[in-house]
Amino acid sequence: MTLDAFRQSTAADSPPSDLSRPLLALWHEARGDWNAAHETAQDIDDATGSWIHAYLHRKEGDLGNAAYWYRRAGKPECRTSLEAEWAEIASTLLRATVNDEG
């Protein structure tokens, strides 16, 4: 799936059935459902989940909590726009999906 196709999928009432948990979290967030995104991210106990968690707390405005999650993810605190960070995370996850399939 391309980034554009993933973005377009957020106009649907339900997510594509083949989304990974990390992409599902981003899908919910793109639809404005921060709580569903956060609940999904909380259940991803790895660096990817921590990166998404950091992004979500940054979007929420809780920068101290976001900093904690960036450290857990092994990522520097993001200074780009929220939109650019969402696209970076989604693109990274989508590339990983393609690499896993290919």
PDB file of N, CA and C in Angstrom:
ATOM      1  N   MET A   1       0.852  -1.178   0.000  1.00  0.00           N
ATOM      2  CA  MET A   1       0.000   0.000   0.000  1.00  0.00           C
ATOM      3  C   MET A   1       0.894   1.235   0.000  1.00  0.00           C
ATOM      4  N   THR A   2       0.511   2.219  -0.770  1.00  0.00           N
ATOM      5  CA  THR A   2       1.252   3.476  -0.802  1.00  0.00           C
ATOM      6  C   THR A   2       0.768   4.386   0.327  1.00  0.00           C
ATOM      7  N   LEU A   3       1.543   5.421   0.588  1.00  0.00           N
ATOM      8  CA  LEU A   3       1.128   6.395   1.597  1.00  0.00           C
ATOM      9  C   LEU A   3      -0.184   7.055   1.175  1.00  0.00           C
ATOM     10  N   ASP A   4      -0.308   7.396  -0.094  1.00  0.00           N
ATOM     11  CA  ASP A   4      -1.553   8.026  -0.561  1.00  0.00           C
ATOM     12  C   ASP A   4      -2.746   7.096  -0.386  1.00  0.00           C
ATOM     13  N   ALA A   5      -2.566   5.827  -0.720  1.00  0.00           N
ATOM     14  CA  ALA A   5      -3.670   4.865  -0.551  1.00  0.00           C
ATOM     15  C   ALA A   5      -4.024   4.707   0.921  1.00  0.00           C
ATOM     16  N   PHE A   6      -3.015   4.714   1.788  1.00  0.00           N
ATOM     17  CA  PHE A   6      -3.269   4.611   3.221  1.00  0.00           C
ATOM     18  C   PHE A   6      -4.051   5.826   3.707  1.00  0.00           C
ATOM     19  N   ARG A   7      -3.627   7.010   3.277  1.00  0.00           N
ATOM     20  CA  ARG A   7      -4.368   8.228   3.654  1.00  0.00           C
ATOM     21  C   ARG A   7      -5.808   8.159   3.163  1.00  0.00           C
ATOM     22  N   GLN A   8      -5.998   7.714   1.932  1.00  0.00           N
ATOM     23  CA  GLN A   8      -7.349   7.624   1.369  1.00  0.00           C
ATOM     24  C   GLN A   8      -8.205   6.625   2.137  1.00  0.00           C
ATOM     25  N   SER A   9      -7.578   5.583   2.680  1.00  0.00           N
ATOM     26  CA  SER A   9      -8.345   4.576   3.423  1.00  0.00           C
ATOM     27  C   SER A   9      -8.984   5.149   4.676  1.00  0.00           C
ATOM     28  N   THR A  10      -8.454   6.264   5.168  1.00  0.00           N
ATOM     29  CA  THR A  10      -8.998   6.854   6.389  1.00  0.00           C
ATOM     30  C   THR A  10     -10.351   7.514   6.155  1.00  0.00           C
ATOM     31  N   ALA A  11     -10.785   7.618   4.898  1.00  0.00           N
ATOM     32  CA  ALA A  11     -12.121   8.147   4.600  1.00  0.00           C
ATOM     33  C   ALA A  11     -13.199   7.074   4.762  1.00  0.00           C
ATOM     34  N   ALA A  12     -12.781   5.823   4.838  1.00  0.00           N
ATOM     35  CA  ALA A  12     -13.736   4.721   4.997  1.00  0.00           C
ATOM     36  C   ALA A  12     -14.188   4.629   6.451  1.00  0.00           C
ATOM     37  N   ASP A  13     -15.314   3.955   6.654  1.00  0.00           N
ATOM     38  CA  ASP A  13     -15.845   3.792   8.008  1.00  0.00           C
ATOM     39  C   ASP A  13     -15.051   2.802   8.852  1.00  0.00           C
ATOM     40  N   SER A  14     -14.363   1.882   8.197  1.00  0.00           N
ATOM     41  CA  SER A  14     -13.564   0.899   8.929  1.00  0.00           C
ATOM     42  C   SER A  14     -12.212   0.746   8.242  1.00  0.00           C
ATOM     43  N   PRO A  15     -11.209   0.341   9.010  1.00  0.00           N
ATOM     44  CA  PRO A  15      -9.861   0.233   8.445  1.00  0.00           C
ATOM     45  C   PRO A  15      -9.737  -0.976   7.520  1.00  0.00           C
ATOM     46  N   PRO A  16      -8.761  -0.931   6.623  1.00  0.00           N
ATOM     47  CA  PRO A  16      -8.484  -2.123   5.817  1.00  0.00           C
ATOM     48  C   PRO A  16      -8.182  -3.307   6.738  1.00  0.00           C
ATOM     49  N   SER A  17      -8.644  -4.471   6.364  1.00  0.00           N
ATOM     50  CA  SER A  17      -8.517  -5.648   7.243  1.00  0.00           C
ATOM     51  C   SER A  17      -7.088  -6.129   7.417  1.00  0.00           C
ATOM     52  N   ASP A  18      -6.193  -5.731   6.522  1.00  0.00           N
ATOM     53  CA  ASP A  18      -4.826  -6.244   6.585  1.00  0.00           C
ATOM     54  C   ASP A  18      -3.832  -5.280   7.244  1.00  0.00           C
ATOM     55  N   LEU A  19      -4.325  -4.263   7.927  1.00  0.00           N
ATOM     56  CA  LEU A  19      -3.411  -3.312   8.578  1.00  0.00           C
ATOM     57  C   LEU A  19      -2.726  -3.949   9.782  1.00  0.00           C
ATOM     58  N   SER A  20      -1.445  -3.642   9.934  1.00  0.00           N
ATOM     59  CA  SER A  20      -0.724  -4.036  11.141  1.00  0.00           C
ATOM     60  C   SER A  20      -1.231  -3.183  12.308  1.00  0.00           C
ATOM     61  N   ARG A  21      -0.953  -3.589  13.516  1.00  0.00           N
ATOM     62  CA  ARG A  21      -1.373  -2.804  14.696  1.00  0.00           C
ATOM     63  C   ARG A  21      -0.802  -1.382  14.652  1.00  0.00           C
ATOM     64  N   PRO A  22       0.488  -1.197  14.310  1.00  0.00           N
ATOM     65  CA  PRO A  22       1.001   0.172  14.244  1.00  0.00           C
ATOM     66  C   PRO A  22       0.267   1.027  13.208  1.00  0.00           C
ATOM     67  N   LEU A  23       0.006   0.465  12.032  1.00  0.00           N
ATOM     68  CA  LEU A  23      -0.723   1.233  11.026  1.00  0.00           C
ATOM     69  C   LEU A  23      -2.164   1.478  11.458  1.00  0.00           C
ATOM     70  N   LEU A  24      -2.750   0.543  12.177  1.00  0.00           N
ATOM     71  CA  LEU A  24      -4.096   0.736  12.700  1.00  0.00           C
ATOM     72  C   LEU A  24      -4.142   1.921  13.659  1.00  0.00           C
ATOM     73  N   ALA A  25      -3.134   2.048  14.508  1.00  0.00           N
ATOM     74  CA  ALA A  25      -3.067   3.187  15.427  1.00  0.00           C
ATOM     75  C   ALA A  25      -3.021   4.499  14.643  1.00  0.00           C
ATOM     76  N   LEU A  26      -2.192   4.550  13.606  1.00  0.00           N
ATOM     77  CA  LEU A  26      -2.108   5.759  12.792  1.00  0.00           C
ATOM     78  C   LEU A  26      -3.398   6.010  12.024  1.00  0.00           C
ATOM     79  N   TRP A  27      -4.063   4.947  11.592  1.00  0.00           N
ATOM     80  CA  TRP A  27      -5.333   5.081  10.886  1.00  0.00           C
ATOM     81  C   TRP A  27      -6.367   5.761  11.792  1.00  0.00           C
ATOM     82  N   HIS A  28      -6.465   5.271  13.035  1.00  0.00           N
ATOM     83  CA  HIS A  28      -7.416   5.880  13.982  1.00  0.00           C
ATOM     84  C   HIS A  28      -7.067   7.343  14.243  1.00  0.00           C
ATOM     85  N   GLU A  29      -5.789   7.621  14.403  1.00  0.00           N
ATOM     86  CA  GLU A  29      -5.381   8.998  14.685  1.00  0.00           C
ATOM     87  C   GLU A  29      -5.726   9.910  13.514  1.00  0.00           C
ATOM     88  N   ALA A  30      -5.514   9.435  12.307  1.00  0.00           N
ATOM     89  CA  ALA A  30      -5.818  10.253  11.123  1.00  0.00           C
ATOM     90  C   ALA A  30      -7.308  10.550  11.014  1.00  0.00           C
ATOM     91  N   ARG A  31      -8.124   9.699  11.582  1.00  0.00           N
ATOM     92  CA  ARG A  31      -9.571   9.913  11.580  1.00  0.00           C
ATOM     93  C   ARG A  31     -10.032  10.755  12.768  1.00  0.00           C
ATOM     94  N   GLY A  32      -9.090  11.189  13.583  1.00  0.00           N
ATOM     95  CA  GLY A  32      -9.433  12.035  14.716  1.00  0.00           C
ATOM     96  C   GLY A  32      -9.810  11.288  15.969  1.00  0.00           C
ATOM     97  N   ASP A  33      -9.558   9.984  15.997  1.00  0.00           N
ATOM     98  CA  ASP A  33      -9.891   9.173  17.175  1.00  0.00           C
ATOM     99  C   ASP A  33      -8.616   8.907  17.977  1.00  0.00           C
ATOM    100  N   TRP A  34      -8.184   9.933  18.711  1.00  0.00           N
ATOM    101  CA  TRP A  34      -6.948   9.851  19.487  1.00  0.00           C
ATOM    102  C   TRP A  34      -7.018   8.703  20.493  1.00  0.00           C
ATOM    103  N   ASN A  35      -8.162   8.533  21.144  1.00  0.00           N
ATOM    104  CA  ASN A  35      -8.279   7.480  22.164  1.00  0.00           C
ATOM    105  C   ASN A  35      -8.075   6.094  21.584  1.00  0.00           C
ATOM    106  N   ALA A  36      -8.698   5.797  20.453  1.00  0.00           N
ATOM    107  CA  ALA A  36      -8.510   4.484  19.821  1.00  0.00           C
ATOM    108  C   ALA A  36      -7.063   4.310  19.381  1.00  0.00           C
ATOM    109  N   ALA A  37      -6.476   5.376  18.858  1.00  0.00           N
ATOM    110  CA  ALA A  37      -5.068   5.314  18.451  1.00  0.00           C
ATOM    111  C   ALA A  37      -4.179   5.033  19.652  1.00  0.00           C
ATOM    112  N   HIS A  38      -4.435   5.712  20.761  1.00  0.00           N
ATOM    113  CA  HIS A  38      -3.631   5.545  21.967  1.00  0.00           C
ATOM    114  C   HIS A  38      -3.791   4.139  22.542  1.00  0.00           C
ATOM    115  N   GLU A  39      -5.016   3.659  22.597  1.00  0.00           N
ATOM    116  CA  GLU A  39      -5.243   2.298  23.097  1.00  0.00           C
ATOM    117  C   GLU A  39      -4.502   1.268  22.253  1.00  0.00           C
ATOM    118  N   THR A  40      -4.529   1.446  20.953  1.00  0.00           N
ATOM    119  CA  THR A  40      -3.834   0.524  20.055  1.00  0.00           C
ATOM    120  C   THR A  40      -2.332   0.615  20.267  1.00  0.00           C
ATOM    121  N   ALA A  41      -1.801   1.830  20.340  1.00  0.00           N
ATOM    122  CA  ALA A  41      -0.356   2.017  20.513  1.00  0.00           C
ATOM    123  C   ALA A  41       0.129   1.456  21.845  1.00  0.00           C
ATOM    124  N   GLN A  42      -0.681   1.575  22.879  1.00  0.00           N
ATOM    125  CA  GLN A  42      -0.282   1.059  24.199  1.00  0.00           C
ATOM    126  C   GLN A  42      -0.029  -0.435  24.182  1.00  0.00           C
ATOM    127  N   ASP A  43      -0.682  -1.144  23.273  1.00  0.00           N
ATOM    128  CA  ASP A  43      -0.546  -2.595  23.200  1.00  0.00           C
ATOM    129  C   ASP A  43       0.593  -3.051  22.295  1.00  0.00           C
ATOM    130  N   ILE A  44       1.365  -2.110  21.749  1.00  0.00           N
ATOM    131  CA  ILE A  44       2.499  -2.442  20.884  1.00  0.00           C
ATOM    132  C   ILE A  44       3.766  -2.210  21.702  1.00  0.00           C
ATOM    133  N   ASP A  45       4.321  -3.287  22.238  1.00  0.00           N
ATOM    134  CA  ASP A  45       5.437  -3.178  23.185  1.00  0.00           C
ATOM    135  C   ASP A  45       6.782  -3.339  22.481  1.00  0.00           C
ATOM    136  N   ASP A  46       7.067  -2.369  21.597  1.00  0.00           N
ATOM    137  CA  ASP A  46       8.366  -2.351  20.946  1.00  0.00           C
ATOM    138  C   ASP A  46       8.688  -0.904  20.568  1.00  0.00           C
ATOM    139  N   ALA A  47       9.808  -0.702  19.870  1.00  0.00           N
ATOM    140  CA  ALA A  47      10.229   0.656  19.514  1.00  0.00           C
ATOM    141  C   ALA A  47       9.215   1.348  18.607  1.00  0.00           C
ATOM    142  N   THR A  48       8.586   0.596  17.719  1.00  0.00           N
ATOM    143  CA  THR A  48       7.586   1.182  16.829  1.00  0.00           C
ATOM    144  C   THR A  48       6.397   1.698  17.630  1.00  0.00           C
ATOM    145  N   GLY A  49       5.916   0.896  18.555  1.00  0.00           N
ATOM    146  CA  GLY A  49       4.813   1.333  19.402  1.00  0.00           C
ATOM    147  C   GLY A  49       5.188   2.555  20.219  1.00  0.00           C
ATOM    148  N   SER A  50       6.419   2.590  20.690  1.00  0.00           N
ATOM    149  CA  SER A  50       6.885   3.745  21.460  1.00  0.00           C
ATOM    150  C   SER A  50       6.947   4.998  20.595  1.00  0.00           C
ATOM    151  N   TRP A  51       7.360   4.842  19.340  1.00  0.00           N
ATOM    152  CA  TRP A  51       7.422   5.992  18.424  1.00  0.00           C
ATOM    153  C   TRP A  51       6.024   6.544  18.181  1.00  0.00           C
ATOM    154  N   ILE A  52       5.073   5.678  17.942  1.00  0.00           N
ATOM    155  CA  ILE A  52       3.692   6.116  17.735  1.00  0.00           C
ATOM    156  C   ILE A  52       3.149   6.751  19.010  1.00  0.00           C
ATOM    157  N   HIS A  53       3.448   6.140  20.133  1.00  0.00           N
ATOM    158  CA  HIS A  53       3.024   6.660  21.429  1.00  0.00           C
ATOM    159  C   HIS A  53       3.586   8.074  21.635  1.00  0.00           C
ATOM    160  N   ALA A  54       4.865   8.263  21.293  1.00  0.00           N
ATOM    161  CA  ALA A  54       5.500   9.586  21.412  1.00  0.00           C
ATOM    162  C   ALA A  54       4.771  10.602  20.547  1.00  0.00           C
ATOM    163  N   TYR A  55       4.507  10.237  19.306  1.00  0.00           N
ATOM    164  CA  TYR A  55       3.798  11.122  18.396  1.00  0.00           C
ATOM    165  C   TYR A  55       2.432  11.510  18.967  1.00  0.00           C
ATOM    166  N   LEU A  56       1.711  10.517  19.473  1.00  0.00           N
ATOM    167  CA  LEU A  56       0.371  10.792  20.003  1.00  0.00           C
ATOM    168  C   LEU A  56       0.418  11.760  21.180  1.00  0.00           C
ATOM    169  N   HIS A  57       1.388  11.581  22.080  1.00  0.00           N
ATOM    170  CA  HIS A  57       1.478  12.500  23.224  1.00  0.00           C
ATOM    171  C   HIS A  57       1.961  13.877  22.791  1.00  0.00           C
ATOM    172  N   ARG A  58       2.797  13.919  21.764  1.00  0.00           N
ATOM    173  CA  ARG A  58       3.192  15.213  21.213  1.00  0.00           C
ATOM    174  C   ARG A  58       1.968  15.919  20.641  1.00  0.00           C
ATOM    175  N   LYS A  59       1.143  15.190  19.914  1.00  0.00           N
ATOM    176  CA  LYS A  59      -0.071  15.783  19.338  1.00  0.00           C
ATOM    177  C   LYS A  59      -1.006  16.259  20.450  1.00  0.00           C
ATOM    178  N   GLU A  60      -1.064  15.496  21.518  1.00  0.00           N
ATOM    179  CA  GLU A  60      -1.910  15.843  22.659  1.00  0.00           C
ATOM    180  C   GLU A  60      -1.399  17.106  23.364  1.00  0.00           C
ATOM    181  N   GLY A  61      -0.119  17.401  23.177  1.00  0.00           N
ATOM    182  CA  GLY A  61       0.486  18.555  23.842  1.00  0.00           C
ATOM    183  C   GLY A  61       1.221  18.197  25.112  1.00  0.00           C
ATOM    184  N   ASP A  62       1.331  16.921  25.417  1.00  0.00           N
ATOM    185  CA  ASP A  62       2.036  16.444  26.615  1.00  0.00           C
ATOM    186  C   ASP A  62       3.488  16.143  26.223  1.00  0.00           C
ATOM    187  N   LEU A  63       4.282  17.200  26.117  1.00  0.00           N
ATOM    188  CA  LEU A  63       5.639  17.062  25.593  1.00  0.00           C
ATOM    189  C   LEU A  63       6.573  16.297  26.520  1.00  0.00           C
ATOM    190  N   GLY A  64       6.348  16.371  27.825  1.00  0.00           N
ATOM    191  CA  GLY A  64       7.166  15.598  28.757  1.00  0.00           C
ATOM    192  C   GLY A  64       6.957  14.108  28.564  1.00  0.00           C
ATOM    193  N   ASN A  65       5.715  13.698  28.442  1.00  0.00           N
ATOM    194  CA  ASN A  65       5.390  12.296  28.209  1.00  0.00           C
ATOM    195  C   ASN A  65       5.893  11.874  26.832  1.00  0.00           C
ATOM    196  N   ALA A  66       5.741  12.746  25.838  1.00  0.00           N
ATOM    197  CA  ALA A  66       6.241  12.445  24.493  1.00  0.00           C
ATOM    198  C   ALA A  66       7.746  12.207  24.535  1.00  0.00           C
ATOM    199  N   ALA A  67       8.476  13.032  25.276  1.00  0.00           N
ATOM    200  CA  ALA A  67       9.935  12.881  25.369  1.00  0.00           C
ATOM    201  C   ALA A  67      10.306  11.509  25.930  1.00  0.00           C
ATOM    202  N   TYR A  68       9.580  11.063  26.937  1.00  0.00           N
ATOM    203  CA  TYR A  68       9.806   9.730  27.506  1.00  0.00           C
ATOM    204  C   TYR A  68       9.658   8.657  26.431  1.00  0.00           C
ATOM    205  N   TRP A  69       8.581   8.745  25.634  1.00  0.00           N
ATOM    206  CA  TRP A  69       8.326   7.727  24.616  1.00  0.00           C
ATOM    207  C   TRP A  69       9.316   7.808  23.469  1.00  0.00           C
ATOM    208  N   TYR A  70       9.776   9.012  23.122  1.00  0.00           N
ATOM    209  CA  TYR A  70      10.836   9.116  22.107  1.00  0.00           C
ATOM    210  C   TYR A  70      12.099   8.402  22.599  1.00  0.00           C
ATOM    211  N   ARG A  71      12.433   8.585  23.859  1.00  0.00           N
ATOM    212  CA  ARG A  71      13.607   7.883  24.414  1.00  0.00           C
ATOM    213  C   ARG A  71      13.409   6.376  24.330  1.00  0.00           C
ATOM    214  N   ARG A  72      12.230   5.897  24.700  1.00  0.00           N
ATOM    215  CA  ARG A  72      11.950   4.452  24.621  1.00  0.00           C
ATOM    216  C   ARG A  72      12.029   3.939  23.188  1.00  0.00           C
ATOM    217  N   ALA A  73      11.673   4.787  22.234  1.00  0.00           N
ATOM    218  CA  ALA A  73      11.707   4.406  20.823  1.00  0.00           C
ATOM    219  C   ALA A  73      13.119   4.486  20.243  1.00  0.00           C
ATOM    220  N   GLY A  74      14.033   5.128  20.972  1.00  0.00           N
ATOM    221  CA  GLY A  74      15.377   5.333  20.444  1.00  0.00           C
ATOM    222  C   GLY A  74      15.401   6.400  19.361  1.00  0.00           C
ATOM    223  N   LYS A  75      14.473   7.352  19.454  1.00  0.00           N
ATOM    224  CA  LYS A  75      14.342   8.422  18.460  1.00  0.00           C
ATOM    225  C   LYS A  75      14.573   9.772  19.124  1.00  0.00           C
ATOM    226  N   PRO A  76      15.119  10.725  18.360  1.00  0.00           N
ATOM    227  CA  PRO A  76      15.204  12.089  18.910  1.00  0.00           C
ATOM    228  C   PRO A  76      13.798  12.691  18.954  1.00  0.00           C
ATOM    229  N   GLU A  77      13.609  13.631  19.851  1.00  0.00           N
ATOM    230  CA  GLU A  77      12.320  14.322  19.890  1.00  0.00           C
ATOM    231  C   GLU A  77      12.102  15.010  18.557  1.00  0.00           C
ATOM    232  N   CYS A  78      10.944  14.838  18.009  1.00  0.00           N
ATOM    233  CA  CYS A  78      10.623  15.353  16.684  1.00  0.00           C
ATOM    234  C   CYS A  78      10.394  16.854  16.740  1.00  0.00           C
ATOM    235  N   ARG A  79      10.912  17.543  15.750  1.00  0.00           N
ATOM    236  CA  ARG A  79      10.749  18.999  15.660  1.00  0.00           C
ATOM    237  C   ARG A  79      10.016  19.418  14.379  1.00  0.00           C
ATOM    238  N   THR A  80       9.641  18.439  13.547  1.00  0.00           N
ATOM    239  CA  THR A  80       8.897  18.764  12.329  1.00  0.00           C
ATOM    240  C   THR A  80       7.423  18.935  12.682  1.00  0.00           C
ATOM    241  N   SER A  81       6.619  19.245  11.691  1.00  0.00           N
ATOM    242  CA  SER A  81       5.188  19.369  11.929  1.00  0.00           C
ATOM    243  C   SER A  81       4.605  18.007  12.285  1.00  0.00           C
ATOM    244  N   LEU A  82       3.469  18.023  12.943  1.00  0.00           N
ATOM    245  CA  LEU A  82       2.781  16.772  13.264  1.00  0.00           C
ATOM    246  C   LEU A  82       2.428  16.002  11.996  1.00  0.00           C
ATOM    247  N   GLU A  83       2.006  16.719  10.979  1.00  0.00           N
ATOM    248  CA  GLU A  83       1.652  16.073   9.716  1.00  0.00           C
ATOM    249  C   GLU A  83       2.862  15.372   9.099  1.00  0.00           C
ATOM    250  N   ALA A  84       4.017  16.036   9.145  1.00  0.00           N
ATOM    251  CA  ALA A  84       5.233  15.442   8.579  1.00  0.00           C
ATOM    252  C   ALA A  84       5.662  14.219   9.381  1.00  0.00           C
ATOM    253  N   GLU A  85       5.519  14.288  10.697  1.00  0.00           N
ATOM    254  CA  GLU A  85       5.895  13.130  11.504  1.00  0.00           C
ATOM    255  C   GLU A  85       4.949  11.959  11.254  1.00  0.00           C
ATOM    256  N   TRP A  86       3.650  12.218  11.166  1.00  0.00           N
ATOM    257  CA  TRP A  86       2.695  11.146  10.875  1.00  0.00           C
ATOM    258  C   TRP A  86       3.071  10.466   9.560  1.00  0.00           C
ATOM    259  N   ALA A  87       3.363  11.277   8.541  1.00  0.00           N
ATOM    260  CA  ALA A  87       3.731  10.736   7.228  1.00  0.00           C
ATOM    261  C   ALA A  87       5.034   9.947   7.308  1.00  0.00           C
ATOM    262  N   GLU A  88       5.984  10.411   8.092  1.00  0.00           N
ATOM    263  CA  GLU A  88       7.254   9.685   8.238  1.00  0.00           C
ATOM    264  C   GLU A  88       7.037   8.318   8.894  1.00  0.00           C
ATOM    265  N   ILE A  89       6.246   8.301   9.957  1.00  0.00           N
ATOM    266  CA  ILE A  89       5.969   7.026  10.627  1.00  0.00           C
ATOM    267  C   ILE A  89       5.222   6.090   9.677  1.00  0.00           C
ATOM    268  N   ALA A  90       4.175   6.596   9.054  1.00  0.00           N
ATOM    269  CA  ALA A  90       3.383   5.765   8.150  1.00  0.00           C
ATOM    270  C   ALA A  90       4.235   5.247   6.994  1.00  0.00           C
ATOM    271  N   SER A  91       5.038   6.111   6.399  1.00  0.00           N
ATOM    272  CA  SER A  91       5.899   5.696   5.284  1.00  0.00           C
ATOM    273  C   SER A  91       6.879   4.621   5.717  1.00  0.00           C
ATOM    274  N   THR A  92       7.467   4.787   6.884  1.00  0.00           N
ATOM    275  CA  THR A  92       8.410   3.795   7.405  1.00  0.00           C
ATOM    276  C   THR A  92       7.716   2.454   7.595  1.00  0.00           C
ATOM    277  N   LEU A  93       6.526   2.467   8.170  1.00  0.00           N
ATOM    278  CA  LEU A  93       5.787   1.222   8.399  1.00  0.00           C
ATOM    279  C   LEU A  93       5.340   0.578   7.093  1.00  0.00           C
ATOM    280  N   LEU A  94       4.912   1.388   6.146  1.00  0.00           N
ATOM    281  CA  LEU A  94       4.480   0.851   4.866  1.00  0.00           C
ATOM    282  C   LEU A  94       5.653   0.244   4.097  1.00  0.00           C
ATOM    283  N   ARG A  95       6.817   0.895   4.156  1.00  0.00           N
ATOM    284  CA  ARG A  95       8.008   0.324   3.511  1.00  0.00           C
ATOM    285  C   ARG A  95       8.384  -1.009   4.149  1.00  0.00           C
ATOM    286  N   ALA A  96       8.285  -1.071   5.460  1.00  0.00           N
ATOM    287  CA  ALA A  96       8.608  -2.318   6.162  1.00  0.00           C
ATOM    288  C   ALA A  96       7.650  -3.425   5.752  1.00  0.00           C
ATOM    289  N   THR A  97       6.387  -3.078   5.545  1.00  0.00           N
ATOM    290  CA  THR A  97       5.386  -4.053   5.112  1.00  0.00           C
ATOM    291  C   THR A  97       5.745  -4.600   3.734  1.00  0.00           C
ATOM    292  N   VAL A  98       6.118  -3.706   2.833  1.00  0.00           N
ATOM    293  CA  VAL A  98       6.491  -4.114   1.475  1.00  0.00           C
ATOM    294  C   VAL A  98       7.728  -4.995   1.532  1.00  0.00           C
ATOM    295  N   ASN A  99       8.717  -4.617   2.353  1.00  0.00           N
ATOM    296  CA  ASN A  99       9.950  -5.407   2.466  1.00  0.00           C
ATOM    297  C   ASN A  99       9.671  -6.781   3.062  1.00  0.00           C
ATOM    298  N   ASP A 100       8.739  -6.863   4.005  1.00  0.00           N
ATOM    299  CA  ASP A 100       8.390  -8.152   4.598  1.00  0.00           C
ATOM    300  C   ASP A 100       7.699  -9.061   3.589  1.00  0.00           C
ATOM    301  N   GLU A 101       6.936  -8.457   2.674  1.00  0.00           N
ATOM    302  CA  GLU A 101       6.204  -9.232   1.677  1.00  0.00           C
ATOM    303  C   GLU A 101       7.094  -9.635   0.499  1.00  0.00           C
ATOM    304  N   GLY A 102       8.105  -8.801   0.236  1.00  0.00           N
ATOM    305  CA  GLY A 102       8.896  -8.995  -0.963  1.00  0.00           C
ATOM    306  C   GLY A 102      10.091  -9.826  -0.745  1.00  0.00           C
TER     307      GLY A 102
END
